Each structure stands twice: as C-alpha cells, then as structure tokens.
C-alpha cells in the first residue's frame, strides 16, 4: 500500500472513533447506546474504503 492509502485508512479510523464518541457520549456524558443508522453509516464508509482499495489494486 502506498502512503496515500495508509493515510486514507488512518483518517477513516480517526473519523470513525470521533463519530462513535460523539454518537454515544463516551467519556463526556451519560453513555447512550449507538443508533442503528450510525452503524449503517460506519459500515457504508468502511465498505466504500475497502472497495476503493480493492478496485485500485486490480487496476494495476
């Protein structure tokens, strides 16, 4: 993997962590269970990133 791809993975991990903390209130307020549409958004964004990485690998 190239440097740009690793950067994309790291950014996706950081955004997922930030969204999870914001959605559940982890560490700053009463914990709320994660909502279903948040799970769908997480799965969709990670599926898109994985699809991009596989597609780019197959092009070369």
Protein backbone atom coordinates (compact mmCIF):
# COMPACT_ATOMS: atom_id res chain seq x y z
CA UNK A 1 0.00 0.00 0.00
CA UNK A 2 1.15 3.47 -0.76
CA UNK A 3 1.48 6.32 1.68
CA UNK A 4 -1.77 7.91 0.44
CA UNK A 5 -3.71 4.69 1.06
CA UNK A 6 -2.38 4.35 4.60
CA UNK A 7 -3.29 7.97 5.22
CA UNK A 8 -6.85 7.28 4.00
CA UNK A 9 -7.14 4.29 6.37
CA UNK A 10 -5.84 6.30 9.33
CA UNK A 11 -8.22 9.17 8.60
CA UNK A 12 -11.14 6.73 8.33
CA UNK A 13 -10.21 5.19 11.70
CA UNK A 14 -9.99 8.62 13.34
CA UNK A 15 -13.31 9.76 11.87
CA UNK A 16 -14.97 6.50 12.95
CA UNK A 17 -13.66 6.95 16.50
CA UNK A 18 -14.79 10.57 16.62
CA UNK A 19 -18.25 9.70 15.29
CA UNK A 20 -18.59 6.83 17.77
CA UNK A 21 -17.63 9.02 20.71
CA UNK A 22 -19.96 11.77 19.53
CA UNK A 23 -22.85 9.39 18.96
CA UNK A 24 -22.59 7.54 22.26
CA UNK A 25 -21.39 10.36 24.52
CA UNK A 26 -18.46 8.22 25.58
CA UNK A 27 -16.10 9.95 28.04
CA UNK A 28 -18.08 13.19 28.35
CA UNK A 29 -21.71 12.45 29.26
CA UNK A 30 -24.05 9.62 30.09
CA UNK A 31 -23.39 6.74 27.73
CA UNK A 32 -26.07 6.24 25.07
CA UNK A 33 -26.31 3.07 23.00
CA UNK A 34 -25.19 3.50 19.42
CA UNK A 35 -28.02 4.04 16.96
CA UNK A 36 -28.73 1.76 14.01
CA UNK A 37 -28.26 4.45 11.37
CA UNK A 38 -24.84 5.20 12.84
CA UNK A 39 -23.90 1.55 12.38
CA UNK A 40 -25.11 1.68 8.77
CA UNK A 41 -23.04 4.82 8.16
CA UNK A 42 -19.94 3.21 9.67
CA UNK A 43 -20.41 0.05 7.59
CA UNK A 44 -21.06 2.06 4.42
CA UNK A 45 -17.99 4.24 4.80
CA UNK A 46 -15.71 1.29 5.55
CA UNK A 47 -17.19 -0.74 2.69
CA UNK A 48 -16.54 2.19 0.36
CA UNK A 49 -12.93 2.48 1.50
CA UNK A 50 -12.35 -1.26 1.12
CA UNK A 51 -13.96 -1.21 -2.34
CA UNK A 52 -11.69 1.67 -3.34
CA UNK A 53 -8.58 -0.16 -2.14
CA UNK A 54 -9.54 -3.40 -3.93
CA UNK A 55 -10.52 -1.60 -7.13
CA UNK A 56 -7.26 0.35 -7.17
CA UNK A 57 -5.25 -2.82 -6.62
CA UNK A 58 -6.99 -4.60 -9.52
CA UNK A 59 -6.37 -1.69 -11.93
CA UNK A 60 -2.58 -2.03 -11.62
